[in-house]
């Protein structure tokens, strides 16, 4: 039997241990390494030559989307799946555009995670029915997303992360800690987001971010 090697990238030890136990119980799958940052992941890709990378989006330093772009450039044949708690309707398209091959939420049943792994290892692309519907609707002329129509495509990947955390009522200190950036950098991102979305002040930004997250939860 061919053993497919999987590299896990997540800075939460409980999450990686749970994934290790899950994948070690599957015939033909083996964990070849665990990285807690994008920098470690890139080094382990070189030293372990995995058949698949499973990464979170929120990582210290460079985030998961930046990691996907880096690996897609240096190892275009290496499939990558995102396993994250982030809103899939906000991030799945960005993941696919960056070069990822699948997106699964961390609260998915274990059967779905295994299904995604087998699909991507088999050469496919994995996304939920909700994401597939969302992407197809976006391609239809005259159709609009169920979410409020803000120009979120103007935001950078990091700004999208900050925007979503604001929508979850996180303050600057919490955002700074979770993303591994300084509070000053959070302030800069907030200012750029307000400017790009045409919002008059911080209160308007918070209202719109919370509304976006709430609508996403209703429609997920």
C-alpha atoms as a PDB file:
ATOM      1  CA  UNK A   1       0.000   0.000   0.000  1.00  0.00           C
ATOM      2  CA  UNK A   2       1.230   3.479  -0.898  1.00  0.00           C
ATOM      3  CA  UNK A   3       1.564   5.744   2.145  1.00  0.00           C
ATOM      4  CA  UNK A   4       0.667   9.379   1.511  1.00  0.00           C
ATOM      5  CA  UNK A   5       2.591  11.810   3.692  1.00  0.00           C
ATOM      6  CA  UNK A   6       0.760  14.791   5.192  1.00  0.00           C
ATOM      7  CA  UNK A   7       2.251  17.939   6.717  1.00  0.00           C
ATOM      8  CA  UNK A   8       0.108  19.720   9.327  1.00  0.00           C
ATOM      9  CA  UNK A   9       0.459  23.492   9.813  1.00  0.00           C
ATOM     10  CA  UNK A  10      -1.323  24.866  12.876  1.00  0.00           C
ATOM     11  CA  UNK A  11      -0.134  26.632  16.013  1.00  0.00           C
ATOM     12  CA  UNK A  12      -2.737  25.010  18.285  1.00  0.00           C
ATOM     13  CA  UNK A  13      -1.259  21.828  19.833  1.00  0.00           C
ATOM     14  CA  UNK A  14      -4.672  20.370  20.716  1.00  0.00           C
ATOM     15  CA  UNK A  15      -5.806  20.732  17.115  1.00  0.00           C
ATOM     16  CA  UNK A  16      -2.702  19.144  15.644  1.00  0.00           C
ATOM     17  CA  UNK A  17      -2.830  16.287  18.164  1.00  0.00           C
ATOM     18  CA  UNK A  18      -6.459  15.602  17.258  1.00  0.00           C
ATOM     19  CA  UNK A  19      -5.600  15.600  13.569  1.00  0.00           C
ATOM     20  CA  UNK A  20      -2.614  13.354  14.182  1.00  0.00           C
ATOM     21  CA  UNK A  21      -4.806  10.783  15.902  1.00  0.00           C
ATOM     22  CA  UNK A  22      -7.442  11.004  13.173  1.00  0.00           C
ATOM     23  CA  UNK A  23      -5.029  10.633  10.264  1.00  0.00           C
ATOM     24  CA  UNK A  24      -2.884   7.969  11.910  1.00  0.00           C
ATOM     25  CA  UNK A  25      -6.029   5.852  12.172  1.00  0.00           C
ATOM     26  CA  UNK A  26      -6.536   5.990   8.394  1.00  0.00           C
ATOM     27  CA  UNK A  27      -4.917   3.361   6.233  1.00  0.00           C
ATOM     28  CA  UNK A  28      -2.527   4.866   3.693  1.00  0.00           C
ATOM     29  CA  UNK A  29      -2.080   8.213   5.486  1.00  0.00           C
ATOM     30  CA  UNK A  30       0.858   9.274   7.634  1.00  0.00           C
ATOM     31  CA  UNK A  31       1.855  12.529   9.348  1.00  0.00           C
ATOM     32  CA  UNK A  32       5.349  13.472   8.189  1.00  0.00           C
ATOM     33  CA  UNK A  33       5.643  16.676  10.191  1.00  0.00           C
ATOM     34  CA  UNK A  34       3.884  19.396  12.188  1.00  0.00           C
ATOM     35  CA  UNK A  35       4.682  23.097  11.780  1.00  0.00           C
ATOM     36  CA  UNK A  36       3.403  25.966  13.902  1.00  0.00           C
ATOM     37  CA  UNK A  37       4.328  28.734  11.473  1.00  0.00           C
ATOM     38  CA  UNK A  38       4.647  29.366   7.754  1.00  0.00           C
ATOM     39  CA  UNK A  39       8.436  29.536   8.071  1.00  0.00           C
ATOM     40  CA  UNK A  40       8.576  26.121   9.725  1.00  0.00           C
ATOM     41  CA  UNK A  41       6.164  24.728   7.147  1.00  0.00           C
ATOM     42  CA  UNK A  42       8.349  25.806   4.224  1.00  0.00           C
ATOM     43  CA  UNK A  43      11.394  24.197   5.838  1.00  0.00           C
ATOM     44  CA  UNK A  44       9.492  20.942   6.498  1.00  0.00           C
ATOM     45  CA  UNK A  45       8.181  20.817   2.936  1.00  0.00           C
ATOM     46  CA  UNK A  46      11.789  20.802   1.758  1.00  0.00           C
ATOM     47  CA  UNK A  47      12.951  18.181   4.271  1.00  0.00           C
ATOM     48  CA  UNK A  48       9.968  15.796   4.296  1.00  0.00           C
ATOM     49  CA  UNK A  49       8.515  16.102   0.746  1.00  0.00           C
ATOM     50  CA  UNK A  50       4.848  15.717   1.786  1.00  0.00           C
ATOM     51  CA  UNK A  51       2.105  14.611  -0.590  1.00  0.00           C
ATOM     52  CA  UNK A  52      -0.348  17.059   0.996  1.00  0.00           C
ATOM     53  CA  UNK A  53      -0.273  20.114   3.269  1.00  0.00           C
ATOM     54  CA  UNK A  54      -3.143  20.887   5.637  1.00  0.00           C
ATOM     55  CA  UNK A  55      -2.898  24.400   7.036  1.00  0.00           C
ATOM     56  CA  UNK A  56      -4.804  26.822   9.213  1.00  0.00           C
ATOM     57  CA  UNK A  57      -5.231  30.398   7.997  1.00  0.00           C
ATOM     58  CA  UNK A  58      -4.272  32.166  11.216  1.00  0.00           C
ATOM     59  CA  UNK A  59      -0.582  31.617  11.866  1.00  0.00           C
ATOM     60  CA  UNK A  60       2.043  33.715  13.645  1.00  0.00           C
ATOM     61  CA  UNK A  61       3.879  35.955  11.216  1.00  0.00           C
ATOM     62  CA  UNK A  62       2.897  35.121   7.645  1.00  0.00           C
ATOM     63  CA  UNK A  63      -0.664  33.826   7.440  1.00  0.00           C
ATOM     64  CA  UNK A  64      -1.971  30.713   5.749  1.00  0.00           C
ATOM     65  CA  UNK A  65      -2.921  32.467   2.521  1.00  0.00           C
ATOM     66  CA  UNK A  66       0.605  33.809   2.184  1.00  0.00           C
ATOM     67  CA  UNK A  67       1.960  30.316   2.846  1.00  0.00           C
ATOM     68  CA  UNK A  68      -0.260  28.894   0.090  1.00  0.00           C
ATOM     69  CA  UNK A  69       0.981  31.502  -2.370  1.00  0.00           C
ATOM     70  CA  UNK A  70       4.610  30.790  -1.449  1.00  0.00           C
ATOM     71  CA  UNK A  71       4.239  27.020  -1.807  1.00  0.00           C
ATOM     72  CA  UNK A  72       2.203  27.340  -5.005  1.00  0.00           C
ATOM     73  CA  UNK A  73       5.093  29.284  -6.468  1.00  0.00           C
ATOM     74  CA  UNK A  74       7.876  26.942  -5.349  1.00  0.00           C
ATOM     75  CA  UNK A  75       5.966  23.621  -5.360  1.00  0.00           C
ATOM     76  CA  UNK A  76       3.037  24.058  -7.784  1.00  0.00           C
ATOM     77  CA  UNK A  77       2.350  20.307  -7.769  1.00  0.00           C
ATOM     78  CA  UNK A  78       1.879  20.171  -3.973  1.00  0.00           C
ATOM     79  CA  UNK A  79      -1.834  20.137  -3.014  1.00  0.00           C
ATOM     80  CA  UNK A  80      -2.905  22.232  -0.034  1.00  0.00           C
ATOM     81  CA  UNK A  81      -6.075  22.099   2.044  1.00  0.00           C
ATOM     82  CA  UNK A  82      -7.139  24.806   4.475  1.00  0.00           C
ATOM     83  CA  UNK A  83      -8.698  23.626   7.742  1.00  0.00           C
ATOM     84  CA  UNK A  84      -9.912  26.705   9.566  1.00  0.00           C
ATOM     85  CA  UNK A  85     -12.574  28.258  11.770  1.00  0.00           C
ATOM     86  CA  UNK A  86     -12.746  31.272   9.475  1.00  0.00           C
ATOM     87  CA  UNK A  87     -15.868  32.008   7.422  1.00  0.00           C
ATOM     88  CA  UNK A  88     -15.671  29.738   4.385  1.00  0.00           C
ATOM     89  CA  UNK A  89     -17.772  32.061   2.207  1.00  0.00           C
ATOM     90  CA  UNK A  90     -15.261  34.824   2.843  1.00  0.00           C
ATOM     91  CA  UNK A  91     -12.077  32.776   2.529  1.00  0.00           C
ATOM     92  CA  UNK A  92     -12.669  29.743   0.311  1.00  0.00           C
ATOM     93  CA  UNK A  93     -12.479  31.695  -2.941  1.00  0.00           C
ATOM     94  CA  UNK A  94      -9.289  33.426  -1.807  1.00  0.00           C
ATOM     95  CA  UNK A  95      -7.802  30.057  -0.860  1.00  0.00           C
ATOM     96  CA  UNK A  96      -8.577  28.620  -4.297  1.00  0.00           C
ATOM     97  CA  UNK A  97      -7.242  31.699  -6.077  1.00  0.00           C
ATOM     98  CA  UNK A  98      -4.041  31.517  -4.018  1.00  0.00           C
ATOM     99  CA  UNK A  99      -3.484  27.950  -5.204  1.00  0.00           C
ATOM    100  CA  UNK A 100      -5.197  25.895  -2.512  1.00  0.00           C
ATOM    101  CA  UNK A 101      -7.168  22.804  -3.467  1.00  0.00           C
ATOM    102  CA  UNK A 102      -9.712  22.638  -0.667  1.00  0.00           C
ATOM    103  CA  UNK A 103     -11.335  24.379   2.284  1.00  0.00           C
ATOM    104  CA  UNK A 104     -12.852  22.628   5.310  1.00  0.00           C
ATOM    105  CA  UNK A 105     -14.088  24.221   8.525  1.00  0.00           C
ATOM    106  CA  UNK A 106     -12.649  22.906  11.787  1.00  0.00           C
ATOM    107  CA  UNK A 107     -16.110  22.094  13.124  1.00  0.00           C
ATOM    108  CA  UNK A 108     -16.749  19.688  10.245  1.00  0.00           C
ATOM    109  CA  UNK A 109     -17.295  16.015  11.106  1.00  0.00           C
ATOM    110  CA  UNK A 110     -14.215  13.836  10.805  1.00  0.00           C
ATOM    111  CA  UNK A 111     -15.745  12.034   7.827  1.00  0.00           C
ATOM    112  CA  UNK A 112     -15.808  15.312   5.907  1.00  0.00           C
ATOM    113  CA  UNK A 113     -12.158  16.039   6.662  1.00  0.00           C
ATOM    114  CA  UNK A 114     -11.182  12.579   5.395  1.00  0.00           C
ATOM    115  CA  UNK A 115     -13.385  13.068   2.337  1.00  0.00           C
ATOM    116  CA  UNK A 116     -11.600  16.338   1.557  1.00  0.00           C
ATOM    117  CA  UNK A 117      -8.178  14.722   1.957  1.00  0.00           C
ATOM    118  CA  UNK A 118      -9.048  11.809  -0.330  1.00  0.00           C
ATOM    119  CA  UNK A 119     -10.603  14.141  -2.885  1.00  0.00           C
ATOM    120  CA  UNK A 120      -7.567  16.423  -3.080  1.00  0.00           C
ATOM    121  CA  UNK A 121      -5.052  13.561  -3.026  1.00  0.00           C
ATOM    122  CA  UNK A 122      -7.011  12.110  -5.932  1.00  0.00           C
ATOM    123  CA  UNK A 123      -6.468  15.277  -7.941  1.00  0.00           C
ATOM    124  CA  UNK A 124      -9.769  16.988  -7.162  1.00  0.00           C
ATOM    125  CA  UNK A 125     -10.810  20.263  -5.569  1.00  0.00           C
ATOM    126  CA  UNK A 126     -12.910  20.190  -2.408  1.00  0.00           C
ATOM    127  CA  UNK A 127     -15.418  22.792  -1.221  1.00  0.00           C
ATOM    128  CA  UNK A 128     -18.729  22.668   0.602  1.00  0.00           C
ATOM    129  CA  UNK A 129     -22.041  22.844  -1.229  1.00  0.00           C
ATOM    130  CA  UNK A 130     -22.554  26.355   0.175  1.00  0.00           C
ATOM    131  CA  UNK A 131     -19.214  27.554  -1.214  1.00  0.00           C
ATOM    132  CA  UNK A 132     -19.821  25.912  -4.595  1.00  0.00           C
ATOM    133  CA  UNK A 133     -23.251  27.546  -4.817  1.00  0.00           C
ATOM    134  CA  UNK A 134     -21.800  30.901  -3.795  1.00  0.00           C
ATOM    135  CA  UNK A 135     -19.066  30.730  -6.433  1.00  0.00           C
ATOM    136  CA  UNK A 136     -21.456  29.653  -9.168  1.00  0.00           C
ATOM    137  CA  UNK A 137     -23.948  32.387  -8.305  1.00  0.00           C
ATOM    138  CA  UNK A 138     -21.185  34.961  -8.433  1.00  0.00           C
ATOM    139  CA  UNK A 139     -20.477  33.881 -12.020  1.00  0.00           C
ATOM    140  CA  UNK A 140     -24.050  34.462 -13.177  1.00  0.00           C
ATOM    141  CA  UNK A 141     -24.813  37.855 -14.758  1.00  0.00           C
ATOM    142  CA  UNK A 142     -27.078  39.998 -12.639  1.00  0.00           C
ATOM    143  CA  UNK A 143     -26.712  37.793  -9.561  1.00  0.00           C
ATOM    144  CA  UNK A 144     -25.436  39.119  -6.260  1.00  0.00           C
ATOM    145  CA  UNK A 145     -24.136  37.484  -3.125  1.00  0.00           C
ATOM    146  CA  UNK A 146     -26.452  36.933  -0.176  1.00  0.00           C
ATOM    147  CA  UNK A 147     -24.042  38.968   1.890  1.00  0.00           C
ATOM    148  CA  UNK A 148     -23.956  42.791   1.968  1.00  0.00           C
ATOM    149  CA  UNK A 149     -22.320  44.096  -1.173  1.00  0.00           C
ATOM    150  CA  UNK A 150     -19.153  45.735   0.113  1.00  0.00           C
ATOM    151  CA  UNK A 151     -16.055  45.770  -2.103  1.00  0.00           C
ATOM    152  CA  UNK A 152     -14.233  43.210   0.023  1.00  0.00           C
ATOM    153  CA  UNK A 153     -12.165  42.138  -2.955  1.00  0.00           C
ATOM    154  CA  UNK A 154     -10.241  45.371  -2.502  1.00  0.00           C
ATOM    155  CA  UNK A 155      -8.921  44.210   0.861  1.00  0.00           C
ATOM    156  CA  UNK A 156      -5.643  42.370   1.252  1.00  0.00           C
ATOM    157  CA  UNK A 157      -5.611  38.927   2.825  1.00  0.00           C
ATOM    158  CA  UNK A 158      -4.456  40.378   6.169  1.00  0.00           C
ATOM    159  CA  UNK A 159      -7.105  43.093   6.036  1.00  0.00           C
ATOM    160  CA  UNK A 160      -9.748  40.431   5.460  1.00  0.00           C
ATOM    161  CA  UNK A 161      -8.548  38.659   8.617  1.00  0.00           C
ATOM    162  CA  UNK A 162      -8.752  41.887  10.621  1.00  0.00           C
ATOM    163  CA  UNK A 163     -12.182  42.698   9.169  1.00  0.00           C
ATOM    164  CA  UNK A 164     -13.580  39.315  10.176  1.00  0.00           C
ATOM    165  CA  UNK A 165     -12.159  39.554  13.699  1.00  0.00           C
ATOM    166  CA  UNK A 166     -13.717  43.000  14.087  1.00  0.00           C
ATOM    167  CA  UNK A 167     -16.984  41.385  13.043  1.00  0.00           C
ATOM    168  CA  UNK A 168     -16.562  38.902  15.879  1.00  0.00           C
ATOM    169  CA  UNK A 169     -16.318  41.870  18.287  1.00  0.00           C
ATOM    170  CA  UNK A 170     -12.582  41.476  18.857  1.00  0.00           C
ATOM    171  CA  UNK A 171     -10.716  44.534  20.094  1.00  0.00           C
ATOM    172  CA  UNK A 172      -7.308  45.689  18.948  1.00  0.00           C
ATOM    173  CA  UNK A 173      -5.506  43.804  21.720  1.00  0.00           C
ATOM    174  CA  UNK A 174      -7.227  40.516  20.862  1.00  0.00           C
ATOM    175  CA  UNK A 175      -6.619  40.990  17.134  1.00  0.00           C
ATOM    176  CA  UNK A 176      -2.980  41.855  17.778  1.00  0.00           C
ATOM    177  CA  UNK A 177      -2.497  38.744  19.901  1.00  0.00           C
ATOM    178  CA  UNK A 178      -4.326  36.379  17.553  1.00  0.00           C
ATOM    179  CA  UNK A 179      -2.565  37.528  14.386  1.00  0.00           C
ATOM    180  CA  UNK A 180       0.860  38.040  15.938  1.00  0.00           C
ATOM    181  CA  UNK A 181       1.062  41.694  14.895  1.00  0.00           C
ATOM    182  CA  UNK A 182       1.407  44.910  16.894  1.00  0.00           C
ATOM    183  CA  UNK A 183      -1.601  47.009  18.001  1.00  0.00           C
ATOM    184  CA  UNK A 184      -0.207  49.824  15.874  1.00  0.00           C
ATOM    185  CA  UNK A 185      -0.313  47.559  12.824  1.00  0.00           C
ATOM    186  CA  UNK A 186      -3.920  46.676  13.658  1.00  0.00           C
ATOM    187  CA  UNK A 187      -4.722  50.415  13.701  1.00  0.00           C
ATOM    188  CA  UNK A 188      -3.114  50.809  10.275  1.00  0.00           C
ATOM    189  CA  UNK A 189      -5.133  47.897   8.872  1.00  0.00           C
ATOM    190  CA  UNK A 190      -8.354  49.338  10.323  1.00  0.00           C
ATOM    191  CA  UNK A 191      -7.637  52.683   8.672  1.00  0.00           C
ATOM    192  CA  UNK A 192      -6.959  51.045   5.310  1.00  0.00           C
ATOM    193  CA  UNK A 193     -10.138  48.966   5.570  1.00  0.00           C
ATOM    194  CA  UNK A 194     -12.249  52.055   6.341  1.00  0.00           C
ATOM    195  CA  UNK A 195     -10.741  53.865   3.382  1.00  0.00           C
ATOM    196  CA  UNK A 196     -11.204  50.985   0.944  1.00  0.00           C
ATOM    197  CA  UNK A 197     -14.794  50.308   2.027  1.00  0.00           C
ATOM    198  CA  UNK A 198     -15.735  53.984   2.138  1.00  0.00           C
ATOM    199  CA  UNK A 199     -16.686  53.926   5.825  1.00  0.00           C
ATOM    200  CA  UNK A 200     -16.702  57.182   7.738  1.00  0.00           C
ATOM    201  CA  UNK A 201     -15.300  56.066  11.089  1.00  0.00           C
ATOM    202  CA  UNK A 202     -14.406  53.147  13.370  1.00  0.00           C
ATOM    203  CA  UNK A 203     -17.986  52.733  14.563  1.00  0.00           C
ATOM    204  CA  UNK A 204     -19.210  52.304  10.994  1.00  0.00           C
ATOM    205  CA  UNK A 205     -16.472  49.748  10.377  1.00  0.00           C
ATOM    206  CA  UNK A 206     -17.504  47.760  13.449  1.00  0.00           C
ATOM    207  CA  UNK A 207     -21.207  47.843  12.493  1.00  0.00           C
ATOM    208  CA  UNK A 208     -20.553  46.691   8.948  1.00  0.00           C
ATOM    209  CA  UNK A 209     -18.120  43.963  10.006  1.00  0.00           C
ATOM    210  CA  UNK A 210     -20.553  42.609  12.614  1.00  0.00           C
ATOM    211  CA  UNK A 211     -23.396  42.689  10.103  1.00  0.00           C
ATOM    212  CA  UNK A 212     -21.278  40.835   7.542  1.00  0.00           C
ATOM    213  CA  UNK A 213     -20.377  38.094  10.038  1.00  0.00           C
ATOM    214  CA  UNK A 214     -23.952  37.762  11.283  1.00  0.00           C
ATOM    215  CA  UNK A 215     -25.348  37.393   7.763  1.00  0.00           C
ATOM    216  CA  UNK A 216     -22.646  34.834   6.997  1.00  0.00           C
ATOM    217  CA  UNK A 217     -23.637  32.774  10.029  1.00  0.00           C
ATOM    218  CA  UNK A 218     -27.304  32.894   9.069  1.00  0.00           C
ATOM    219  CA  UNK A 219     -26.592  31.732   5.519  1.00  0.00           C
ATOM    220  CA  UNK A 220     -23.929  29.139   6.349  1.00  0.00           C
END
